[in-house]
C-alpha atoms as a PDB file:
ATOM      1  CA  UNK A   1      87.538 128.953 128.837  1.00  0.00           C
ATOM      2  CA  UNK A   2      88.267 125.253 129.064  1.00  0.00           C
ATOM      3  CA  UNK A   3      86.344 122.893 126.802  1.00  0.00           C
ATOM      4  CA  UNK A   4      83.407 121.244 128.491  1.00  0.00           C
ATOM      5  CA  UNK A   5      84.468 118.190 130.454  1.00  0.00           C
ATOM      6  CA  UNK A   6      82.232 115.316 131.364  1.00  0.00           C
ATOM      7  CA  UNK A   7      81.923 114.632 135.071  1.00  0.00           C
ATOM      8  CA  UNK A   8      82.929 111.024 135.750  1.00  0.00           C
ATOM      9  CA  UNK A   9      82.258 110.822 139.479  1.00  0.00           C
ATOM     10  CA  UNK A  10      78.630 110.084 140.203  1.00  0.00           C
ATOM     11  CA  UNK A  11      79.136 110.861 143.900  1.00  0.00           C
ATOM     12  CA  UNK A  12      80.758 114.266 144.055  1.00  0.00           C
ATOM     13  CA  UNK A  13      79.714 114.954 147.657  1.00  0.00           C
ATOM     14  CA  UNK A  14      78.838 111.834 149.640  1.00  0.00           C
ATOM     15  CA  UNK A  15      77.280 113.646 152.601  1.00  0.00           C
ATOM     16  CA  UNK A  16      74.948 115.768 150.483  1.00  0.00           C
ATOM     17  CA  UNK A  17      73.990 113.152 147.921  1.00  0.00           C
ATOM     18  CA  UNK A  18      73.566 110.269 150.373  1.00  0.00           C
ATOM     19  CA  UNK A  19      70.985 112.360 152.219  1.00  0.00           C
ATOM     20  CA  UNK A  20      68.990 112.728 149.018  1.00  0.00           C
ATOM     21  CA  UNK A  21      69.269 108.996 148.321  1.00  0.00           C
ATOM     22  CA  UNK A  22      68.091 108.147 151.824  1.00  0.00           C
ATOM     23  CA  UNK A  23      65.060 110.365 151.387  1.00  0.00           C
ATOM     24  CA  UNK A  24      64.158 108.785 148.060  1.00  0.00           C
ATOM     25  CA  UNK A  25      64.552 105.330 149.583  1.00  0.00           C
ATOM     26  CA  UNK A  26      62.232 106.281 152.424  1.00  0.00           C
ATOM     27  CA  UNK A  27      59.690 107.649 149.933  1.00  0.00           C
ATOM     28  CA  UNK A  28      59.901 104.392 148.020  1.00  0.00           C
ATOM     29  CA  UNK A  29      59.430 102.384 151.226  1.00  0.00           C
ATOM     30  CA  UNK A  30      56.366 104.441 152.141  1.00  0.00           C
ATOM     31  CA  UNK A  31      55.008 103.806 148.660  1.00  0.00           C
ATOM     32  CA  UNK A  32      55.501 100.070 149.118  1.00  0.00           C
ATOM     33  CA  UNK A  33      53.756 100.094 152.496  1.00  0.00           C
ATOM     34  CA  UNK A  34      50.858 102.050 151.045  1.00  0.00           C
ATOM     35  CA  UNK A  35      50.588  99.693 148.081  1.00  0.00           C
ATOM     36  CA  UNK A  36      50.615  96.567 150.253  1.00  0.00           C
ATOM     37  CA  UNK A  37      48.192  98.158 152.685  1.00  0.00           C
ATOM     38  CA  UNK A  38      45.826  98.967 149.855  1.00  0.00           C
ATOM     39  CA  UNK A  39      45.921  95.433 148.460  1.00  0.00           C
ATOM     40  CA  UNK A  40      45.431  93.927 151.935  1.00  0.00           C
ATOM     41  CA  UNK A  41      42.679  96.413 152.738  1.00  0.00           C
ATOM     42  CA  UNK A  42      40.782  95.400 149.647  1.00  0.00           C
ATOM     43  CA  UNK A  43      41.184  91.728 150.554  1.00  0.00           C
ATOM     44  CA  UNK A  44      39.651  92.346 153.989  1.00  0.00           C
ATOM     45  CA  UNK A  45      36.672  93.955 152.290  1.00  0.00           C
ATOM     46  CA  UNK A  46      36.075  90.676 150.473  1.00  0.00           C
ATOM     47  CA  UNK A  47      37.047  91.777 146.981  1.00  0.00           C
ATOM     48  CA  UNK A  48      38.952  89.280 144.869  1.00  0.00           C
ATOM     49  CA  UNK A  49      41.048  90.427 141.918  1.00  0.00           C
ATOM     50  CA  UNK A  50      42.294  87.052 140.745  1.00  0.00           C
ATOM     51  CA  UNK A  51      41.821  83.447 141.692  1.00  0.00           C
ATOM     52  CA  UNK A  52      43.576  82.912 144.989  1.00  0.00           C
ATOM     53  CA  UNK A  53      42.810  86.386 146.340  1.00  0.00           C
ATOM     54  CA  UNK A  54      44.677  89.689 146.323  1.00  0.00           C
ATOM     55  CA  UNK A  55      47.622  88.214 148.244  1.00  0.00           C
ATOM     56  CA  UNK A  56      48.820  86.816 144.942  1.00  0.00           C
ATOM     57  CA  UNK A  57      49.144  90.395 143.694  1.00  0.00           C
ATOM     58  CA  UNK A  58      51.437  91.580 146.484  1.00  0.00           C
ATOM     59  CA  UNK A  59      54.668  89.826 145.485  1.00  0.00           C
ATOM     60  CA  UNK A  60      54.525  90.732 141.775  1.00  0.00           C
ATOM     61  CA  UNK A  61      53.480  94.304 142.589  1.00  0.00           C
ATOM     62  CA  UNK A  62      56.379  94.770 145.023  1.00  0.00           C
ATOM     63  CA  UNK A  63      58.868  93.208 142.609  1.00  0.00           C
ATOM     64  CA  UNK A  64      57.753  95.359 139.698  1.00  0.00           C
ATOM     65  CA  UNK A  65      57.776  98.549 141.740  1.00  0.00           C
ATOM     66  CA  UNK A  66      61.227  97.611 143.103  1.00  0.00           C
ATOM     67  CA  UNK A  67      62.639  98.033 139.617  1.00  0.00           C
ATOM     68  CA  UNK A  68      61.998 101.754 139.895  1.00  0.00           C
ATOM     69  CA  UNK A  69      64.216 102.340 142.943  1.00  0.00           C
ATOM     70  CA  UNK A  70      67.572 102.043 141.117  1.00  0.00           C
ATOM     71  CA  UNK A  71      66.224 104.228 138.316  1.00  0.00           C
ATOM     72  CA  UNK A  72      65.059 106.859 140.817  1.00  0.00           C
ATOM     73  CA  UNK A  73      68.358 106.775 142.733  1.00  0.00           C
ATOM     74  CA  UNK A  74      70.458 107.056 139.586  1.00  0.00           C
ATOM     75  CA  UNK A  75      68.366 109.986 138.365  1.00  0.00           C
ATOM     76  CA  UNK A  76      68.640 111.662 141.754  1.00  0.00           C
ATOM     77  CA  UNK A  77      72.418 111.232 141.829  1.00  0.00           C
ATOM     78  CA  UNK A  78      72.721 112.713 138.337  1.00  0.00           C
ATOM     79  CA  UNK A  79      70.554 115.661 139.373  1.00  0.00           C
ATOM     80  CA  UNK A  80      72.287 116.309 142.691  1.00  0.00           C
ATOM     81  CA  UNK A  81      75.657 116.077 140.958  1.00  0.00           C
ATOM     82  CA  UNK A  82      74.697 119.311 139.210  1.00  0.00           C
ATOM     83  CA  UNK A  83      74.658 120.858 142.686  1.00  0.00           C
ATOM     84  CA  UNK A  84      77.266 118.838 144.577  1.00  0.00           C
ATOM     85  CA  UNK A  85      79.949 119.128 141.881  1.00  0.00           C
ATOM     86  CA  UNK A  86      79.948 122.945 141.800  1.00  0.00           C
ATOM     87  CA  UNK A  87      79.784 123.155 145.597  1.00  0.00           C
ATOM     88  CA  UNK A  88      82.770 120.836 145.864  1.00  0.00           C
ATOM     89  CA  UNK A  89      84.774 122.970 143.419  1.00  0.00           C
ATOM     90  CA  UNK A  90      83.713 126.161 145.208  1.00  0.00           C
ATOM     91  CA  UNK A  91      84.744 124.702 148.584  1.00  0.00           C
ATOM     92  CA  UNK A  92      88.154 123.689 147.191  1.00  0.00           C
ATOM     93  CA  UNK A  93      88.825 127.100 145.635  1.00  0.00           C
ATOM     94  CA  UNK A  94      87.741 128.895 148.815  1.00  0.00           C
ATOM     95  CA  UNK A  95      90.150 126.747 150.832  1.00  0.00           C
ATOM     96  CA  UNK A  96      92.938 127.643 148.399  1.00  0.00           C
ATOM     97  CA  UNK A  97      92.137 131.360 148.688  1.00  0.00           C
ATOM     98  CA  UNK A  98      92.131 131.080 152.474  1.00  0.00           C
ATOM     99  CA  UNK A  99      95.637 129.587 152.243  1.00  0.00           C
ATOM    100  CA  UNK A 100      96.602 132.581 150.068  1.00  0.00           C
ATOM    101  CA  UNK A 101      97.264 130.408 147.034  1.00  0.00           C
ATOM    102  CA  UNK A 102      96.641 131.464 143.448  1.00  0.00           C
ATOM    103  CA  UNK A 103      93.174 130.424 142.243  1.00  0.00           C
ATOM    104  CA  UNK A 104      91.974 130.510 138.648  1.00  0.00           C
ATOM    105  CA  UNK A 105      88.636 132.003 137.731  1.00  0.00           C
ATOM    106  CA  UNK A 106      85.841 129.601 138.670  1.00  0.00           C
ATOM    107  CA  UNK A 107      83.561 128.423 135.869  1.00  0.00           C
ATOM    108  CA  UNK A 108      80.809 125.863 136.210  1.00  0.00           C
ATOM    109  CA  UNK A 109      79.457 123.692 133.427  1.00  0.00           C
ATOM    110  CA  UNK A 110      76.424 125.162 131.652  1.00  0.00           C
ATOM    111  CA  UNK A 111      74.184 122.406 133.043  1.00  0.00           C
ATOM    112  CA  UNK A 112      75.324 122.952 136.652  1.00  0.00           C
ATOM    113  CA  UNK A 113      72.986 124.509 139.167  1.00  0.00           C
ATOM    114  CA  UNK A 114      73.678 127.755 141.015  1.00  0.00           C
ATOM    115  CA  UNK A 115      75.661 129.504 138.289  1.00  0.00           C
ATOM    116  CA  UNK A 116      75.466 132.733 140.277  1.00  0.00           C
ATOM    117  CA  UNK A 117      77.822 131.256 142.884  1.00  0.00           C
ATOM    118  CA  UNK A 118      80.692 131.198 140.411  1.00  0.00           C
ATOM    119  CA  UNK A 119      80.021 134.805 139.390  1.00  0.00           C
ATOM    120  CA  UNK A 120      79.930 135.949 143.030  1.00  0.00           C
ATOM    121  CA  UNK A 121      83.046 133.956 143.889  1.00  0.00           C
ATOM    122  CA  UNK A 122      84.923 135.451 140.925  1.00  0.00           C
ATOM    123  CA  UNK A 123      83.965 138.987 141.998  1.00  0.00           C
ATOM    124  CA  UNK A 124      85.193 138.354 145.535  1.00  0.00           C
ATOM    125  CA  UNK A 125      88.354 136.705 144.186  1.00  0.00           C
ATOM    126  CA  UNK A 126      89.096 139.727 141.966  1.00  0.00           C
ATOM    127  CA  UNK A 127      88.519 142.182 144.812  1.00  0.00           C
ATOM    128  CA  UNK A 128      90.788 140.167 147.108  1.00  0.00           C
ATOM    129  CA  UNK A 129      93.548 140.124 144.496  1.00  0.00           C
ATOM    130  CA  UNK A 130      93.213 143.896 143.972  1.00  0.00           C
ATOM    131  CA  UNK A 131      93.497 144.468 147.718  1.00  0.00           C
ATOM    132  CA  UNK A 132      96.540 142.207 147.952  1.00  0.00           C
ATOM    133  CA  UNK A 133      98.118 143.947 144.959  1.00  0.00           C
ATOM    134  CA  UNK A 134      97.528 147.342 146.577  1.00  0.00           C
ATOM    135  CA  UNK A 135      99.110 146.146 149.813  1.00  0.00           C
ATOM    136  CA  UNK A 136     102.143 144.844 147.907  1.00  0.00           C
ATOM    137  CA  UNK A 137     102.513 148.156 146.035  1.00  0.00           C
ATOM    138  CA  UNK A 138     102.335 150.068 149.310  1.00  0.00           C
ATOM    139  CA  UNK A 139     104.996 147.844 150.897  1.00  0.00           C
ATOM    140  CA  UNK A 140     107.287 148.250 147.881  1.00  0.00           C
ATOM    141  CA  UNK A 141     106.926 152.033 147.919  1.00  0.00           C
ATOM    142  CA  UNK A 142     107.722 152.283 151.611  1.00  0.00           C
ATOM    143  CA  UNK A 143     110.936 150.239 151.158  1.00  0.00           C
ATOM    144  CA  UNK A 144     112.369 152.354 148.296  1.00  0.00           C
ATOM    145  CA  UNK A 145     113.889 155.645 149.422  1.00  0.00           C
ATOM    146  CA  UNK A 146     112.657 158.487 147.293  1.00  0.00           C
ATOM    147  CA  UNK A 147     115.083 160.730 145.407  1.00  0.00           C
ATOM    148  CA  UNK A 148     115.511 164.106 147.118  1.00  0.00           C
ATOM    149  CA  UNK A 149     113.692 166.900 145.402  1.00  0.00           C
ATOM    150  CA  UNK A 150     115.893 169.607 143.833  1.00  0.00           C
ATOM    151  CA  UNK A 151     116.360 172.714 145.981  1.00  0.00           C
ATOM    152  CA  UNK A 152     114.160 175.696 145.317  1.00  0.00           C
ATOM    153  CA  UNK A 153     115.700 178.264 142.976  1.00  0.00           C
ATOM    154  CA  UNK A 154     117.856 175.718 141.138  1.00  0.00           C
ATOM    155  CA  UNK A 155     121.164 176.544 142.952  1.00  0.00           C
ATOM    156  CA  UNK A 156     122.941 174.015 145.048  1.00  0.00           C
END
């Protein structure tokens, strides 16, 4: 087994991971709208948090909460990489098998998600190789003429 290698690409599968990032961004936007709506709602009720009214709270509150978006996105990318990386490797190895190329046994990193995929892929890979080997043996046997069996009774 190869020594554990660090994954250097943060975006292993753009289509998959960008969808997650878009969702987190939309969640963040909804949070911002709710926060601003709450502050404005309180101001319409006549409450005052600080001199100058609650409007003075909106800009600092939005700025402070905006600091969390890059943290959330980075964390999400790291997490989804544990899924996207193995799926990318599985897709590549399946394409190689489909092209009838030699493929090494697939092993995911211990921290990767869906470890069972590599086990299932390796079982299918082994069965495919056994079938191909059996077909090759059959072809080789049918090409080689067999030696004639000696005549019964030992006399020629």
